[in-house]
Amino acid sequence: MYKLLLVALGGAVGTSLRYGIAAGMARWLGAAFPYGTLLANAIGCFLLGVVMEAAPERQLFGVPARLVLGTGVMGGFTTYSSFNLETLRLAEQGAWDRAGLYLASTLLVCAVAGFSGIALVRSLRGPA
């Protein structure tokens, strides 16, 4: 039960951060393209790469850090379901160019961000 509570609290933190990014990006760049979700997914992929690479044995409050930060915070922060819905909405509106751009840019940007997070931690560790 303790683990579940920590994962849920982490999820609340991640969800709140995602909301802030989405709202801020919509105000800054407009709502015609889901920039906030794209940015949250890219940041989330990077940070999940960092967490999974940097915290294999670490504990937070007696619980594996990967569980709290990976499943909890990053699970609440990343927004694949929102990404999917926004892509489908763009397609339904006939905005196939924006739907395709969003789909391709999300896949590319998030893959690069995830690899970058892993590479960052590995470079900080130095040679094995």
C-alpha atoms as a PDB file:
ATOM      1  CA  MET A   1       0.000   0.000   0.000  1.00  0.00           C
ATOM      2  CA  TYR A   2       2.919   2.327   0.783  1.00  0.00           C
ATOM      3  CA  LYS A   3       4.355   1.843  -2.718  1.00  0.00           C
ATOM      4  CA  LEU A   4       0.979   2.577  -4.281  1.00  0.00           C
ATOM      5  CA  LEU A   5       0.686   5.801  -2.298  1.00  0.00           C
ATOM      6  CA  LEU A   6       4.141   6.980  -3.399  1.00  0.00           C
ATOM      7  CA  VAL A   7       3.406   6.136  -7.050  1.00  0.00           C
ATOM      8  CA  ALA A   8       0.080   7.997  -6.810  1.00  0.00           C
ATOM      9  CA  LEU A   9       1.737  11.050  -5.256  1.00  0.00           C
ATOM     10  CA  GLY A  10       4.402  10.965  -7.971  1.00  0.00           C
ATOM     11  CA  GLY A  11       1.651  10.753 -10.584  1.00  0.00           C
ATOM     12  CA  ALA A  12      -0.027  13.819  -9.101  1.00  0.00           C
ATOM     13  CA  VAL A  13       3.245  15.744  -9.368  1.00  0.00           C
ATOM     14  CA  GLY A  14       3.773  14.621 -12.969  1.00  0.00           C
ATOM     15  CA  THR A  15       0.202  15.418 -13.978  1.00  0.00           C
ATOM     16  CA  SER A  16       0.412  18.885 -12.445  1.00  0.00           C
ATOM     17  CA  LEU A  17       3.652  19.605 -14.287  1.00  0.00           C
ATOM     18  CA  ARG A  18       2.142  18.396 -17.563  1.00  0.00           C
ATOM     19  CA  TYR A  19      -0.902  20.636 -17.101  1.00  0.00           C
ATOM     20  CA  GLY A  20       1.339  23.639 -16.462  1.00  0.00           C
ATOM     21  CA  ILE A  21       3.364  22.994 -19.601  1.00  0.00           C
ATOM     22  CA  ALA A  22       0.285  22.431 -21.766  1.00  0.00           C
ATOM     23  CA  ALA A  23      -1.453  25.568 -20.496  1.00  0.00           C
ATOM     24  CA  GLY A  24       1.688  27.677 -20.819  1.00  0.00           C
ATOM     25  CA  MET A  25       2.446  26.527 -24.356  1.00  0.00           C
ATOM     26  CA  ALA A  26      -1.152  27.109 -25.460  1.00  0.00           C
ATOM     27  CA  ARG A  27      -1.006  30.680 -24.146  1.00  0.00           C
ATOM     28  CA  TRP A  28       2.426  31.278 -25.653  1.00  0.00           C
ATOM     29  CA  LEU A  29       2.090  29.608 -29.075  1.00  0.00           C
ATOM     30  CA  GLY A  30      -1.653  29.116 -29.490  1.00  0.00           C
ATOM     31  CA  ALA A  31      -3.777  25.990 -29.602  1.00  0.00           C
ATOM     32  CA  ALA A  32      -3.704  25.196 -33.344  1.00  0.00           C
ATOM     33  CA  PHE A  33      -0.950  22.611 -32.755  1.00  0.00           C
ATOM     34  CA  PRO A  34      -0.526  20.581 -29.542  1.00  0.00           C
ATOM     35  CA  TYR A  35       2.906  22.009 -28.642  1.00  0.00           C
ATOM     36  CA  GLY A  36       2.410  21.414 -24.921  1.00  0.00           C
ATOM     37  CA  THR A  37       1.826  17.690 -25.302  1.00  0.00           C
ATOM     38  CA  LEU A  38       4.752  17.380 -27.695  1.00  0.00           C
ATOM     39  CA  LEU A  39       7.025  19.217 -25.252  1.00  0.00           C
ATOM     40  CA  ALA A  40       5.800  17.186 -22.254  1.00  0.00           C
ATOM     41  CA  ASN A  41       6.366  13.937 -24.136  1.00  0.00           C
ATOM     42  CA  ALA A  42       9.876  14.983 -25.201  1.00  0.00           C
ATOM     43  CA  ILE A  43      10.844  16.106 -21.693  1.00  0.00           C
ATOM     44  CA  GLY A  44       9.223  12.986 -20.228  1.00  0.00           C
ATOM     45  CA  CYS A  45      11.112  10.676 -22.582  1.00  0.00           C
ATOM     46  CA  PHE A  46      14.383  12.395 -21.711  1.00  0.00           C
ATOM     47  CA  LEU A  47      13.747  12.278 -17.962  1.00  0.00           C
ATOM     48  CA  LEU A  48      12.533   8.684 -18.041  1.00  0.00           C
ATOM     49  CA  GLY A  49      15.780   7.760 -19.802  1.00  0.00           C
ATOM     50  CA  VAL A  50      17.699   9.578 -17.056  1.00  0.00           C
ATOM     51  CA  VAL A  51      15.707   7.925 -14.253  1.00  0.00           C
ATOM     52  CA  MET A  52      15.952   4.402 -15.631  1.00  0.00           C
ATOM     53  CA  GLU A  53      19.676   4.720 -16.297  1.00  0.00           C
ATOM     54  CA  ALA A  54      20.675   6.650 -13.166  1.00  0.00           C
ATOM     55  CA  ALA A  55      18.539   4.995 -10.513  1.00  0.00           C
ATOM     56  CA  PRO A  56      18.712   1.212 -10.971  1.00  0.00           C
ATOM     57  CA  GLU A  57      19.263   0.507  -7.258  1.00  0.00           C
ATOM     58  CA  ARG A  58      18.385   3.827  -5.612  1.00  0.00           C
ATOM     59  CA  GLN A  59      15.569   4.190  -3.104  1.00  0.00           C
ATOM     60  CA  LEU A  60      13.190   7.059  -2.310  1.00  0.00           C
ATOM     61  CA  PHE A  61      11.507   6.773   1.066  1.00  0.00           C
ATOM     62  CA  GLY A  62      12.356   3.062   1.109  1.00  0.00           C
ATOM     63  CA  VAL A  63      10.816   2.408  -2.331  1.00  0.00           C
ATOM     64  CA  PRO A  64      12.729   1.905  -5.606  1.00  0.00           C
ATOM     65  CA  ALA A  65      13.300   5.323  -7.218  1.00  0.00           C
ATOM     66  CA  ARG A  66      12.387   3.857 -10.608  1.00  0.00           C
ATOM     67  CA  LEU A  67       8.933   3.045  -9.287  1.00  0.00           C
ATOM     68  CA  VAL A  68       8.263   6.471  -7.775  1.00  0.00           C
ATOM     69  CA  LEU A  69       9.932   8.591 -10.463  1.00  0.00           C
ATOM     70  CA  GLY A  70       9.450   6.354 -13.511  1.00  0.00           C
ATOM     71  CA  THR A  71       5.997   4.897 -12.963  1.00  0.00           C
ATOM     72  CA  GLY A  72       4.664   7.709 -10.785  1.00  0.00           C
ATOM     73  CA  VAL A  73       6.051  11.069 -11.877  1.00  0.00           C
ATOM     74  CA  MET A  74       6.878  10.241 -15.506  1.00  0.00           C
ATOM     75  CA  GLY A  75       3.709   8.150 -15.859  1.00  0.00           C
ATOM     76  CA  GLY A  76       1.671  11.191 -14.849  1.00  0.00           C
ATOM     77  CA  PHE A  77       3.809  13.574 -16.861  1.00  0.00           C
ATOM     78  CA  THR A  78       3.991  11.872 -20.236  1.00  0.00           C
ATOM     79  CA  THR A  79       0.877  12.069 -22.284  1.00  0.00           C
ATOM     80  CA  TYR A  80       0.648   9.361 -24.901  1.00  0.00           C
ATOM     81  CA  SER A  81      -3.124   9.113 -24.601  1.00  0.00           C
ATOM     82  CA  SER A  82      -3.425  12.868 -25.147  1.00  0.00           C
ATOM     83  CA  PHE A  83      -1.013  12.617 -28.075  1.00  0.00           C
ATOM     84  CA  ASN A  84      -3.172   9.913 -29.644  1.00  0.00           C
ATOM     85  CA  LEU A  85      -6.404  11.843 -29.183  1.00  0.00           C
ATOM     86  CA  GLU A  86      -4.908  15.091 -30.507  1.00  0.00           C
ATOM     87  CA  THR A  87      -3.554  13.304 -33.583  1.00  0.00           C
ATOM     88  CA  LEU A  88      -6.972  11.776 -34.265  1.00  0.00           C
ATOM     89  CA  ARG A  89      -8.714  15.134 -33.755  1.00  0.00           C
ATOM     90  CA  LEU A  90      -6.403  16.823 -36.262  1.00  0.00           C
ATOM     91  CA  ALA A  91      -7.114  14.023 -38.757  1.00  0.00           C
ATOM     92  CA  GLU A  92     -10.879  14.278 -38.150  1.00  0.00           C
ATOM     93  CA  GLN A  93     -10.694  18.003 -38.876  1.00  0.00           C
ATOM     94  CA  GLY A  94      -9.052  17.203 -42.204  1.00  0.00           C
ATOM     95  CA  ALA A  95      -5.737  18.685 -41.048  1.00  0.00           C
ATOM     96  CA  TRP A  96      -3.806  15.700 -42.359  1.00  0.00           C
ATOM     97  CA  ASP A  97      -0.630  17.721 -42.810  1.00  0.00           C
ATOM     98  CA  ARG A  98      -0.620  18.814 -39.148  1.00  0.00           C
ATOM     99  CA  ALA A  99      -1.639  15.323 -37.980  1.00  0.00           C
ATOM    100  CA  GLY A 100       1.238  13.770 -39.923  1.00  0.00           C
ATOM    101  CA  LEU A 101       3.686  16.419 -38.742  1.00  0.00           C
ATOM    102  CA  TYR A 102       2.618  15.914 -35.145  1.00  0.00           C
ATOM    103  CA  LEU A 103       2.866  12.130 -35.409  1.00  0.00           C
ATOM    104  CA  ALA A 104       6.302  12.175 -37.056  1.00  0.00           C
ATOM    105  CA  SER A 105       7.741  14.929 -34.862  1.00  0.00           C
ATOM    106  CA  THR A 106       6.543  13.244 -31.667  1.00  0.00           C
ATOM    107  CA  LEU A 107       8.105   9.927 -32.614  1.00  0.00           C
ATOM    108  CA  LEU A 108      11.390  11.507 -33.704  1.00  0.00           C
ATOM    109  CA  VAL A 109      11.728  14.106 -30.946  1.00  0.00           C
ATOM    110  CA  CYS A 110      10.808  11.655 -28.177  1.00  0.00           C
ATOM    111  CA  ALA A 111      13.181   8.958 -29.464  1.00  0.00           C
ATOM    112  CA  VAL A 112      16.030  11.490 -29.593  1.00  0.00           C
ATOM    113  CA  ALA A 113      15.104  12.799 -26.124  1.00  0.00           C
ATOM    114  CA  GLY A 114      15.045   9.297 -24.622  1.00  0.00           C
ATOM    115  CA  PHE A 115      18.423   8.395 -26.133  1.00  0.00           C
ATOM    116  CA  SER A 116      19.786  11.750 -24.933  1.00  0.00           C
ATOM    117  CA  GLY A 117      18.703  11.088 -21.351  1.00  0.00           C
ATOM    118  CA  ILE A 118      20.437   7.715 -21.341  1.00  0.00           C
ATOM    119  CA  ALA A 119      23.550   9.155 -23.024  1.00  0.00           C
ATOM    120  CA  LEU A 120      23.728  12.017 -20.508  1.00  0.00           C
ATOM    121  CA  VAL A 121      23.802   9.681 -17.534  1.00  0.00           C
ATOM    122  CA  ARG A 122      26.306   7.351 -19.196  1.00  0.00           C
ATOM    123  CA  SER A 123      28.600  10.284 -20.028  1.00  0.00           C
ATOM    124  CA  LEU A 124      28.446  11.558 -16.442  1.00  0.00           C
ATOM    125  CA  ARG A 125      29.359   8.126 -15.132  1.00  0.00           C
ATOM    126  CA  GLY A 126      32.446   7.956 -17.313  1.00  0.00           C
ATOM    127  CA  PRO A 127      33.993   4.805 -18.768  1.00  0.00           C
ATOM    128  CA  ALA A 128      32.789   1.527 -17.334  1.00  0.00           C
END
